Protein backbone atom coordinates (compact mmCIF):
# COMPACT_ATOMS: atom_id res chain seq x y z
CA UNK A 1 104.67 147.59 66.54
CA UNK A 2 101.73 148.63 64.40
CA UNK A 3 98.31 148.40 65.99
CA UNK A 4 95.87 145.86 64.66
CA UNK A 5 92.94 147.29 62.70
CA UNK A 6 89.55 147.35 64.36
CA UNK A 7 86.33 148.38 62.72
CA UNK A 8 84.64 150.58 65.33
CA UNK A 9 81.27 151.62 64.10
CA UNK A 10 81.34 155.38 64.36
CA UNK A 11 82.07 157.80 61.50
CA UNK A 12 85.82 158.42 61.13
CA UNK A 13 87.33 161.86 61.44
CA UNK A 14 88.21 161.74 57.74
CA UNK A 15 85.45 159.75 56.05
CA UNK A 16 86.33 157.49 53.18
CA UNK A 17 85.31 158.58 49.74
CA UNK A 18 82.83 156.24 48.06
CA UNK A 19 84.50 153.72 45.83
CA UNK A 20 84.36 154.72 42.20
CA UNK A 21 82.52 152.59 39.73
CA UNK A 22 85.04 150.01 38.44
CA UNK A 23 83.83 150.80 34.93
CA UNK A 24 84.77 154.44 35.46
CA UNK A 25 88.17 153.32 36.73
CA UNK A 26 88.63 151.36 33.56
CA UNK A 27 87.94 154.47 31.50
CA UNK A 28 90.24 156.63 33.65
CA UNK A 29 93.23 154.46 34.53
CA UNK A 30 95.01 157.33 36.25
CA UNK A 31 92.37 157.07 38.99
CA UNK A 32 93.24 153.48 39.87
CA UNK A 33 93.76 153.24 43.65
CA UNK A 34 97.16 152.46 45.08
CA UNK A 35 96.52 149.26 47.11
CA UNK A 36 99.24 149.85 49.71
CA UNK A 37 98.12 153.43 50.37
CA UNK A 38 94.48 152.31 50.58
CA UNK A 39 95.32 149.65 53.16
CA UNK A 40 97.33 152.15 55.21
CA UNK A 41 94.48 154.69 55.18
CA UNK A 42 92.01 151.92 55.99
CA UNK A 43 94.05 150.75 58.97
CA UNK A 44 94.59 154.32 60.19
CA UNK A 45 90.94 155.24 60.45
CA UNK A 46 89.63 151.80 61.45
CA UNK A 47 91.90 151.76 64.49
CA UNK A 48 90.66 155.07 65.92
CA UNK A 49 88.17 154.99 68.83
CA UNK A 50 85.69 157.53 67.49
CA UNK A 51 82.92 157.02 69.97
CA UNK A 52 81.79 160.60 70.55
CA UNK A 53 81.11 161.79 67.02
CA UNK A 54 77.63 162.43 65.80
CA UNK A 55 75.95 160.40 63.09
CA UNK A 56 74.71 163.23 60.93
CA UNK A 57 75.64 161.74 57.57
CA UNK A 58 75.74 158.38 55.95
CA UNK A 59 78.45 156.42 57.71
CA UNK A 60 81.46 154.90 55.95
CA UNK A 61 80.10 151.47 56.85
CA UNK A 62 76.82 152.20 55.07
CA UNK A 63 78.71 153.45 52.02
CA UNK A 64 80.94 150.40 52.12
CA UNK A 65 77.91 148.11 52.12
CA UNK A 66 76.42 149.93 49.13
CA UNK A 67 79.74 149.81 47.25
CA UNK A 68 80.12 146.08 47.92
CA UNK A 69 76.66 145.37 46.61
CA UNK A 70 77.39 147.44 43.51
CA UNK A 71 80.64 145.55 42.88
CA UNK A 72 78.98 142.17 43.35
CA UNK A 73 76.19 143.17 40.99
CA UNK A 74 78.78 143.82 38.26
CA UNK A 75 80.35 140.37 38.72
CA UNK A 76 77.36 138.33 39.85
CA UNK A 77 77.97 135.50 37.32
CA UNK A 78 81.48 135.07 38.69
CA UNK A 79 80.59 134.87 42.36
CA UNK A 80 77.48 132.73 41.69
CA UNK A 81 79.40 130.10 39.70
CA UNK A 82 80.58 126.72 40.98
CA UNK A 83 84.11 125.89 39.85
CA UNK A 84 83.08 122.28 39.23
CA UNK A 85 80.85 123.64 36.43
CA UNK A 86 83.85 125.15 34.64
CA UNK A 87 83.47 122.86 31.63
CA UNK A 88 79.76 122.01 31.74
CA UNK A 89 78.71 125.68 31.82
CA UNK A 90 81.65 127.06 29.79
CA UNK A 91 82.61 129.47 32.55
CA UNK A 92 85.77 130.67 30.84
CA UNK A 93 83.74 132.16 28.01
CA UNK A 94 81.74 134.19 30.54
CA UNK A 95 84.80 136.17 31.65
CA UNK A 96 85.36 139.62 30.11
CA UNK A 97 87.07 139.23 26.75
CA UNK A 98 89.76 141.76 27.71
CA UNK A 99 90.83 139.55 30.64
CA UNK A 100 91.06 136.21 28.88
CA UNK A 101 94.45 136.51 27.07
CA UNK A 102 96.33 137.69 30.17
CA UNK A 103 94.74 135.09 32.42
CA UNK A 104 95.32 132.38 29.82
CA UNK A 105 99.08 133.01 29.88
CA UNK A 106 99.45 133.69 33.62
CA UNK A 107 101.60 131.45 35.78
CA UNK A 108 100.41 130.31 39.24
CA UNK A 109 102.91 132.70 40.82
CA UNK A 110 101.50 135.61 38.80
CA UNK A 111 97.98 134.65 39.87
CA UNK A 112 99.16 134.63 43.47
CA UNK A 113 100.49 138.16 42.99
CA UNK A 114 97.14 139.28 41.60
CA UNK A 115 95.29 137.64 44.48
CA UNK A 116 97.43 138.86 47.34
CA UNK A 117 98.92 142.04 45.86
CA UNK A 118 102.18 141.02 47.51
CA UNK A 119 104.43 141.14 44.47
CA UNK A 120 105.73 138.32 42.33
CA UNK A 121 106.59 137.83 38.67
CA UNK A 122 105.20 140.60 36.55
CA UNK A 123 102.19 140.13 34.31
CA UNK A 124 100.56 142.45 31.77
CA UNK A 125 97.14 142.65 33.41
CA UNK A 126 94.39 144.68 31.70
CA UNK A 127 93.54 147.87 33.56
CA UNK A 128 89.95 146.75 34.07
CA UNK A 129 91.20 143.56 35.77
CA UNK A 130 93.54 145.58 37.98
CA UNK A 131 90.64 147.87 38.89
CA UNK A 132 88.48 144.86 39.76
CA UNK A 133 91.20 143.38 41.99
CA UNK A 134 91.94 146.74 43.65
CA UNK A 135 88.24 147.34 44.34
CA UNK A 136 87.83 143.88 45.86
CA UNK A 137 90.82 144.34 48.14
CA UNK A 138 89.76 147.87 49.16
CA UNK A 139 86.23 146.82 50.11
CA UNK A 140 87.14 143.72 52.12
CA UNK A 141 87.76 144.11 55.83
CA UNK A 142 91.48 144.03 56.71
CA UNK A 143 92.36 140.49 57.80
CA UNK A 144 96.12 140.87 58.25
CA UNK A 145 98.29 142.00 61.14
CA UNK A 146 101.95 141.36 62.12
CA UNK A 147 101.51 137.70 62.98
CA UNK A 148 104.09 135.41 64.47
CA UNK A 149 104.28 131.76 63.53
CA UNK A 150 101.56 129.75 65.31
CA UNK A 151 103.12 127.09 67.49
CA UNK A 152 102.56 125.33 70.75
CA UNK A 153 102.81 127.90 73.49
CA UNK A 154 105.06 127.02 76.42
CA UNK A 155 102.75 129.20 78.50
CA UNK A 156 99.54 127.38 77.63
CA UNK A 157 99.20 124.87 80.41
CA UNK A 158 100.10 121.35 79.22
CA UNK A 159 96.87 119.94 80.63
CA UNK A 160 94.91 122.44 78.54
CA UNK A 161 96.75 121.35 75.38
CA UNK A 162 95.43 117.80 75.65
CA UNK A 163 93.11 116.72 72.85
CA UNK A 164 93.56 120.11 71.10
CA UNK A 165 95.19 120.72 67.74
CA UNK A 166 97.45 123.72 67.19
CA UNK A 167 94.72 125.61 65.32
CA UNK A 168 92.32 125.32 68.25
CA UNK A 169 95.07 126.19 70.76
CA UNK A 170 95.71 129.39 68.81
CA UNK A 171 91.99 130.25 68.72
CA UNK A 172 91.14 129.60 72.36
CA UNK A 173 94.18 131.55 73.57
CA UNK A 174 93.37 134.60 71.46
CA UNK A 175 89.62 134.58 72.09
CA UNK A 176 90.15 133.75 75.78
CA UNK A 177 92.37 136.80 76.22
CA UNK A 178 89.73 138.99 74.55
CA UNK A 179 86.99 137.60 76.80
CA UNK A 180 89.15 138.17 79.86
CA UNK A 181 89.48 141.85 78.88
CA UNK A 182 85.73 142.06 78.31
CA UNK A 183 85.21 140.52 81.73
CA UNK A 184 87.48 143.12 83.32
CA UNK A 185 85.85 145.96 81.38
CA UNK A 186 82.25 144.97 82.16
CA UNK A 187 82.74 143.48 85.61
CA UNK A 188 81.25 140.16 84.44
CA UNK A 189 82.77 136.92 85.74
CA UNK A 190 80.20 134.68 84.08
CA UNK A 191 80.46 133.48 80.49
CA UNK A 192 78.01 131.47 78.41
CA UNK A 193 79.83 129.61 75.62
CA UNK A 194 77.25 128.72 72.96
CA UNK A 195 78.06 125.93 70.52
CA UNK A 196 80.80 124.76 72.87
CA UNK A 197 81.48 121.43 71.13
CA UNK A 198 83.98 119.40 73.14
CA UNK A 199 84.44 122.29 75.55
CA UNK A 200 88.00 123.36 74.72
CA UNK A 201 87.28 127.10 74.99
CA UNK A 202 85.08 126.62 78.06
CA UNK A 203 87.81 124.62 79.81
CA UNK A 204 90.40 127.29 79.07
CA UNK A 205 88.11 130.05 80.38
CA UNK A 206 87.23 128.18 83.58
CA UNK A 207 90.36 126.20 84.51
CA UNK A 208 92.85 128.59 82.91
CA UNK A 209 91.32 132.03 83.54
CA UNK A 210 89.13 131.32 86.56
CA UNK A 211 85.86 132.48 85.00
CA UNK A 212 82.47 130.95 85.76
CA UNK A 213 81.48 129.24 82.51
CA UNK A 214 78.34 127.57 81.24
CA UNK A 215 78.88 125.59 78.03
CA UNK A 216 75.84 125.12 75.80
CA UNK A 217 76.02 122.45 73.09
CA UNK A 218 73.21 121.14 70.90
CA UNK A 219 74.82 117.71 70.37
CA UNK A 220 74.49 115.77 73.62
CA UNK A 221 77.29 113.41 72.51
CA UNK A 222 79.77 116.28 72.25
CA UNK A 223 78.61 117.60 75.61
CA UNK A 224 79.33 114.16 77.06
CA UNK A 225 82.83 114.15 75.60
CA UNK A 226 83.42 117.60 77.08
CA UNK A 227 82.45 116.36 80.55
CA UNK A 228 84.83 113.42 80.24
CA UNK A 229 87.68 115.78 79.36
CA UNK A 230 86.79 117.92 82.39
CA UNK A 231 86.85 114.92 84.71
CA UNK A 232 90.17 113.82 83.27
CA UNK A 233 91.66 117.24 83.97
CA UNK A 234 90.23 117.35 87.50
CA UNK A 235 91.69 113.91 88.27
CA UNK A 236 95.09 115.11 87.07
CA UNK A 237 94.85 118.21 89.24
CA UNK A 238 94.06 116.11 92.30
CA UNK A 239 97.14 114.00 91.59
CA UNK A 240 99.56 116.85 90.99
CA UNK A 241 98.17 119.65 93.11
CA UNK A 242 96.63 122.92 92.04
CA UNK A 243 99.43 123.78 89.60
CA UNK A 244 98.94 120.63 87.54
CA UNK A 245 102.64 120.61 86.63
CA UNK A 246 103.62 117.35 88.26
CA UNK A 247 104.99 114.73 85.89
CA UNK A 248 105.66 117.27 83.15
CA UNK A 249 109.05 118.46 81.95
CA UNK A 250 110.44 121.40 83.87
CA UNK A 251 109.23 124.66 82.39
CA UNK A 252 111.77 127.20 81.24
CA UNK A 253 112.09 130.00 83.86
CA UNK A 254 111.31 132.70 81.29
CA UNK A 255 108.03 130.94 80.40
CA UNK A 256 106.19 130.46 83.72
CA UNK A 257 102.89 128.62 83.57
CA UNK A 258 99.91 130.02 85.42
CA UNK A 259 98.45 127.46 87.86
CA UNK A 260 95.06 126.09 86.95
CA UNK A 261 91.90 126.73 88.91
CA UNK A 262 90.02 123.53 89.87
CA UNK A 263 86.79 125.01 88.56
CA UNK A 264 85.13 123.04 85.80
CA UNK A 265 82.57 124.54 83.42
CA UNK A 266 78.93 123.57 83.69
CA UNK A 267 77.70 121.77 80.59
CA UNK A 268 74.15 122.25 79.34
CA UNK A 269 72.92 120.22 76.35
CA UNK A 270 70.47 122.32 74.40
CA UNK A 271 69.77 124.35 71.27
CA UNK A 272 69.03 128.03 70.94
CA UNK A 273 65.66 129.14 69.64
CA UNK A 274 66.24 132.49 67.90
CA UNK A 275 62.50 133.24 67.79
CA UNK A 276 61.87 132.81 71.51
CA UNK A 277 62.30 135.41 74.26
CA UNK A 278 65.33 134.97 76.51
CA UNK A 279 63.43 133.04 79.16
CA UNK A 280 62.58 130.31 76.62
CA UNK A 281 65.75 130.47 74.57
CA UNK A 282 66.90 126.91 75.18
CA UNK A 283 65.42 123.95 73.29
CA UNK A 284 66.11 120.23 73.92
CA UNK A 285 69.34 118.87 72.41
CA UNK A 286 69.40 116.96 69.15
CA UNK A 287 69.76 114.02 69.59
CA UNK A 288 68.26 113.96 73.09
CA UNK A 289 70.74 113.18 75.84
CA UNK A 290 70.35 110.90 78.88
CA UNK A 291 70.49 113.79 81.34
CA UNK A 292 67.34 115.61 82.52
CA UNK A 293 66.59 118.98 81.02
CA UNK A 294 68.94 121.57 82.46
CA UNK A 295 68.00 125.02 83.65
CA UNK A 296 68.26 127.59 80.89
CA UNK A 297 71.47 129.58 81.52
CA UNK A 298 70.03 132.43 79.49
CA UNK A 299 66.62 132.35 81.14
CA UNK A 300 65.42 134.30 84.13
CA UNK A 301 65.04 138.05 84.66
CA UNK A 302 66.70 140.10 81.97
CA UNK A 303 68.36 137.18 80.19
CA UNK A 304 70.37 135.32 82.86
CA UNK A 305 69.54 132.84 85.61
CA UNK A 306 69.59 135.40 88.42
CA UNK A 307 69.48 138.64 86.44
CA UNK A 308 73.21 139.19 86.93
CA UNK A 309 75.38 140.26 83.97
CA UNK A 310 76.86 137.63 81.67
CA UNK A 311 79.10 137.52 78.62
CA UNK A 312 78.04 135.41 75.64
CA UNK A 313 80.48 133.96 73.13
CA UNK A 314 80.44 131.58 70.19
CA UNK A 315 83.65 130.34 68.55
CA UNK A 316 82.82 129.57 64.91
CA UNK A 317 79.11 129.50 65.64
CA UNK A 318 77.72 127.85 62.53
CA UNK A 319 75.10 129.30 60.19
CA UNK A 320 72.18 130.98 61.93
CA UNK A 321 73.66 130.46 65.40
CA UNK A 322 75.77 133.62 65.14
CA UNK A 323 72.80 135.86 64.22
CA UNK A 324 70.81 134.21 67.04
CA UNK A 325 73.52 135.19 69.54
CA UNK A 326 73.42 138.79 68.34
CA UNK A 327 69.63 138.95 68.55
CA UNK A 328 69.71 137.56 72.07
CA UNK A 329 72.33 140.10 73.12
CA UNK A 330 70.25 142.93 71.63
CA UNK A 331 67.10 142.07 73.58
CA UNK A 332 68.52 140.63 76.83
CA UNK A 333 69.53 143.36 79.30
CA UNK A 334 71.61 140.96 81.40
CA UNK A 335 73.94 140.11 78.51
CA UNK A 336 76.64 142.73 78.94
CA UNK A 337 78.71 141.85 75.88
CA UNK A 338 79.05 139.33 73.08
CA UNK A 339 82.06 138.02 71.14
CA UNK A 340 81.03 136.08 68.06
CA UNK A 341 83.11 134.29 65.42
CA UNK A 342 80.90 133.14 62.55
CA UNK A 343 81.39 130.41 59.97
CA UNK A 344 79.45 128.34 57.42
CA UNK A 345 77.78 131.35 55.85
CA UNK A 346 76.12 129.12 53.25
CA UNK A 347 73.97 127.70 56.08
CA UNK A 348 72.63 131.13 57.01
CA UNK A 349 68.93 131.49 56.17
CA UNK A 350 68.09 134.23 53.70
CA UNK A 351 64.49 133.69 52.60
CA UNK A 352 61.69 135.69 54.26
CA UNK A 353 60.00 133.58 56.91
CA UNK A 354 56.26 133.26 57.62
CA UNK A 355 54.85 134.82 60.80
CA UNK A 356 55.89 133.02 63.96
CA UNK A 357 59.10 131.66 62.46
CA UNK A 358 62.60 132.94 63.21
CA UNK A 359 63.63 135.86 60.96
CA UNK A 360 66.36 135.10 58.42
CA UNK A 361 70.00 135.25 59.41
CA UNK A 362 70.76 137.59 56.50
CA UNK A 363 70.05 140.42 56.20
CA UNK A 364 69.86 141.40 59.85
CA UNK A 365 70.17 145.16 59.51
CA UNK A 366 67.58 147.52 58.12
CA UNK A 367 70.40 149.29 56.29
CA UNK A 368 71.45 146.31 54.17
CA UNK A 369 67.88 145.05 53.74
CA UNK A 370 66.96 148.39 52.14
CA UNK A 371 69.74 148.25 49.53
CA UNK A 372 68.64 146.92 46.12
CA UNK A 373 70.57 143.83 45.10
CA UNK A 374 71.68 142.88 48.62
CA UNK A 375 70.63 139.26 48.14
CA UNK A 376 73.41 136.64 48.35
CA UNK A 377 73.00 133.24 46.71
CA UNK A 378 74.03 129.98 48.32
CA UNK A 379 77.01 129.85 45.96
CA UNK A 380 78.16 133.33 46.96
CA UNK A 381 77.85 132.54 50.67
CA UNK A 382 79.70 129.26 50.18
CA UNK A 383 82.50 131.12 48.39
CA UNK A 384 82.80 133.45 51.39
CA UNK A 385 84.02 130.48 53.44
CA UNK A 386 87.07 129.91 51.24
CA UNK A 387 90.57 130.25 52.68
CA UNK A 388 92.06 132.94 50.43
CA UNK A 389 95.45 133.06 52.15
CA UNK A 390 95.82 129.29 51.90
CA UNK A 391 94.99 129.34 48.20
CA UNK A 392 97.46 132.15 47.58
CA UNK A 393 100.16 130.12 49.29
CA UNK A 394 99.29 127.10 47.19
CA UNK A 395 99.65 129.16 44.01
CA UNK A 396 103.02 130.53 45.10
CA UNK A 397 104.44 127.13 45.99
CA UNK A 398 103.00 125.30 42.97
CA UNK A 399 102.96 121.51 43.08
CA UNK A 400 100.54 118.70 42.42
CA UNK A 401 97.72 120.09 44.58
CA UNK A 402 96.94 122.70 41.93
CA UNK A 403 95.32 120.01 39.77
CA UNK A 404 92.44 119.23 42.13
CA UNK A 405 89.95 121.85 40.88
CA UNK A 406 90.54 120.89 37.26
CA UNK A 407 90.22 117.21 38.09
CA UNK A 408 86.90 117.79 39.85
CA UNK A 409 85.53 119.96 37.03
CA UNK A 410 86.49 117.36 34.44
CA UNK A 411 84.91 114.63 36.57
CA UNK A 412 81.72 116.68 36.84
CA UNK A 413 81.58 116.88 33.05
CA UNK A 414 81.92 113.10 32.78
CA UNK A 415 79.27 112.47 35.43
CA UNK A 416 76.73 114.80 33.84
CA UNK A 417 77.35 113.27 30.42
CA UNK A 418 76.67 109.81 31.84
CA UNK A 419 73.71 110.76 34.05
CA UNK A 420 72.46 114.39 34.19
CA UNK A 421 70.48 113.57 37.34
CA UNK A 422 73.72 113.14 39.30
CA UNK A 423 74.68 116.80 39.10
CA UNK A 424 76.65 118.39 41.94
CA UNK A 425 77.10 115.31 44.10
CA UNK A 426 79.09 115.86 47.26
CA UNK A 427 81.94 113.54 46.31
CA UNK A 428 84.92 113.20 48.64
CA UNK A 429 87.86 111.57 46.89
CA UNK A 430 90.12 111.94 49.92
CA UNK A 431 92.80 114.36 51.08
CA UNK A 432 95.41 112.89 48.74
CA UNK A 433 93.34 113.02 45.57
CA UNK A 434 95.93 115.34 44.01
CA UNK A 435 98.50 112.55 44.23
CA UNK A 436 96.46 110.35 41.87
CA UNK A 437 96.61 110.38 38.12
CA UNK A 438 93.40 111.60 36.53
CA UNK A 439 92.30 108.16 35.35
CA UNK A 440 92.62 106.73 38.85
CA UNK A 441 90.92 109.80 40.32
CA UNK A 442 88.06 109.62 37.81
CA UNK A 443 87.45 105.91 38.36
CA UNK A 444 87.26 106.50 42.11
CA UNK A 445 84.90 109.45 41.64
CA UNK A 446 82.65 107.63 39.21
CA UNK A 447 82.24 104.73 41.62
CA UNK A 448 81.36 107.17 44.41
CA UNK A 449 78.73 108.62 42.06
CA UNK A 450 77.25 105.18 41.49
CA UNK A 451 78.49 104.92 37.91
CA UNK A 452 80.44 102.14 36.20
CA UNK A 453 83.85 103.54 35.17
CA UNK A 454 84.09 100.99 32.37
CA UNK A 455 81.22 102.70 30.60
CA UNK A 456 82.82 106.17 30.65
CA UNK A 457 85.50 107.03 28.06
CA UNK A 458 88.47 108.33 30.03
CA UNK A 459 90.98 108.28 27.16
CA UNK A 460 89.01 110.53 24.83
CA UNK A 461 90.35 113.68 23.23
CA UNK A 462 87.68 115.65 25.09
CA UNK A 463 89.09 114.54 28.45
CA UNK A 464 92.62 115.43 27.36
CA UNK A 465 91.42 118.86 26.20
CA UNK A 466 89.85 119.54 29.61
CA UNK A 467 93.01 118.56 31.50
CA UNK A 468 95.06 120.89 29.30
CA UNK A 469 92.99 123.80 30.63
CA UNK A 470 94.14 123.47 34.22
CA UNK A 471 95.72 126.93 34.06
CA UNK A 472 92.37 128.44 33.09
CA UNK A 473 90.65 126.72 36.00
CA UNK A 474 93.29 128.14 38.34
CA UNK A 475 92.73 131.63 36.94
CA UNK A 476 88.97 131.34 37.39
CA UNK A 477 89.43 130.14 40.99
CA UNK A 478 91.71 133.12 41.64
CA UNK A 479 89.02 135.58 40.53
CA UNK A 480 86.48 133.93 42.82
CA UNK A 481 88.97 134.04 45.68
CA UNK A 482 89.32 137.79 45.15
CA UNK A 483 85.59 138.25 45.73
CA UNK A 484 85.26 135.77 48.61
CA UNK A 485 86.44 138.21 51.36
CA UNK A 486 84.15 140.88 49.91
CA UNK A 487 81.11 138.64 50.38
CA UNK A 488 82.21 137.76 53.91
CA UNK A 489 82.64 141.48 54.60
CA UNK A 490 79.06 142.18 53.52
CA UNK A 491 77.69 139.44 55.79
CA UNK A 492 79.69 140.68 58.79
CA UNK A 493 79.02 144.33 57.99
CA UNK A 494 75.30 143.56 58.02
CA UNK A 495 75.68 142.14 61.54
CA UNK A 496 77.68 145.15 62.68
CA UNK A 497 75.10 147.57 61.30
CA UNK A 498 72.31 145.59 63.01
CA UNK A 499 74.02 146.24 66.35
CA UNK A 500 74.80 149.84 65.50
CA UNK A 501 71.18 150.53 64.63
CA UNK A 502 70.36 149.53 68.22
CA UNK A 503 72.95 151.84 69.74
CA UNK A 504 75.58 149.32 70.86
CA UNK A 505 79.35 149.75 70.87
CA UNK A 506 80.76 147.26 68.39
CA UNK A 507 83.97 146.39 66.58
CA UNK A 508 85.35 143.81 64.21
CA UNK A 509 88.78 142.45 65.14
CA UNK A 510 91.09 140.20 63.04
CA UNK A 511 91.86 138.08 66.09
CA UNK A 512 93.32 134.92 64.54
CA UNK A 513 96.07 134.29 62.04
CA UNK A 514 94.17 133.77 58.74
CA UNK A 515 96.76 131.25 57.54
CA UNK A 516 95.86 129.16 60.55
CA UNK A 517 92.20 130.06 61.02
CA UNK A 518 90.57 131.50 57.86
CA UNK A 519 87.45 132.69 59.70
CA UNK A 520 89.52 135.04 61.81
CA UNK A 521 87.23 138.06 62.25
CA UNK A 522 85.63 138.40 65.68
CA UNK A 523 82.58 140.59 66.17
CA UNK A 524 82.65 142.22 69.61
CA UNK A 525 79.72 144.21 70.99
CA UNK A 526 79.00 145.68 74.40
CA UNK A 527 76.68 148.09 76.19
CA UNK A 528 79.71 150.10 77.34
CA UNK A 529 82.63 151.55 75.33
CA UNK A 530 85.16 149.09 73.91
CA UNK A 531 88.16 151.39 73.52
CA UNK A 532 90.09 149.94 76.48
CA UNK A 533 89.41 146.36 75.38
CA UNK A 534 90.58 147.02 71.83
CA UNK A 535 93.59 149.10 72.87
CA UNK A 536 94.93 146.15 74.87
CA UNK A 537 94.43 143.89 71.86
CA UNK A 538 96.51 146.29 69.76
CA UNK A 539 99.29 146.07 72.33
CA UNK A 540 99.54 142.33 71.75
CA UNK A 541 101.70 143.22 68.75
CA UNK A 542 102.67 140.14 66.80
CA UNK A 543 100.37 137.96 68.91
CA UNK A 544 103.24 135.68 69.79
CA UNK A 545 102.02 132.37 71.08
CA UNK A 546 104.70 132.67 73.77
CA UNK A 547 102.58 135.23 75.61
CA UNK A 548 100.86 134.06 78.75
CA UNK A 549 97.13 134.06 78.09
CA UNK A 550 96.36 133.49 81.71
CA UNK A 551 98.97 135.65 83.40
């Protein structure tokens, strides 16, 4: 089974060559990269533990960051556009003229082939468009590995599956196994789970893996729900014994379930202050909870309550919370390692802050901050949160859901024509909006915008002309989806370089199935080498959910 790719931040034995200027590739089509060969080379060198090589030259990661910024600078209008402005800002006309005829005639299945480079019906793409797509795929971090089909694991204890959807089961199993290996590698038995929400990961780590866990959550209501779930599980354990299997169907003998440990996590309502030293890192929750202020689990000598080593983790830590975790790890000697999964990049702060305020969440590293054009707009960071694999699957399967972007762009045109002040409203027409005809959809959207549908002409020729351009909207969305992983790569690469500049061992691991969990890249950093931790992750192979995460 092929090993999963890891980005370990040391120069590879055979450094990558800098990506050629896409314009040069257009002029010399024989130099177009072969995508499959590029991915193979990328996986080969990213999976090598190269921890003893000297940093005498510019690293591949630094070159990758510069190449990404150069690519984004060439296509800034594309990545900075909102799809809902397709008609109001005439976005189709802003595409390169050489691309428009091929994209105009492309089927959804052909667009899926362009997006995923996984084959499909042939299309006569211009060489410059192929070069753009190849460059975007080459510069994005590898997100794929030989995944199995996510499903309920017979080895995840039934009591730990309560209240948890399949997506979250998949995530807590995979991240829990990684944290267990970090615990074994560093000798740490204590974990601080920041942004714990309803405590699903914390419960798995404590009850399922026997670790000592402190769960920090800024919303006191969610912390209260987490405590209720803990009490419910403890009551069940008292009824059924330590195994917790009483009353459940007999488990298959080839899928034994590890008994649970009656050890609940400790819940601490509070927010992290990224500008404060570790002893003052915890702020009161928002909204305030009924409980008295808890002792700061990250306070004390060196960054923990008693100065002993701790692991810090954040599963989909939103916005600036992920950078705050990395900063705390970098300056707190007691934090032995961190495993961070980011999300909501559009909420990351980017503007320079006045003295005394927390520094921005992007850029973190001096390397990226020194590169001209490194700035990322809100629209670009929002695009980085898109689920590329899900959109590719939607294109391949076709169906009514493909109309939603065109519907919303046409509605935006109608809203701005009726009242320009109502631009870019956050309208939610419901999950089944694609099942509506456009007139019904538009009337619903206009009411949500505070407009009278009777005063808006829905049967005009202009509306019909917009709806006939659905294929163009799909093509435009596809191009943005090609760049979305590149923007995410730059954000995560900046975080990796920030840690590297401070001498830490760090890696980026595609830990989750991207079809199930689009933000699937986990940043792992430690004060000791990570090779053993990452080698065991590679041995997980297809990451079958039948594996015992606690055995």
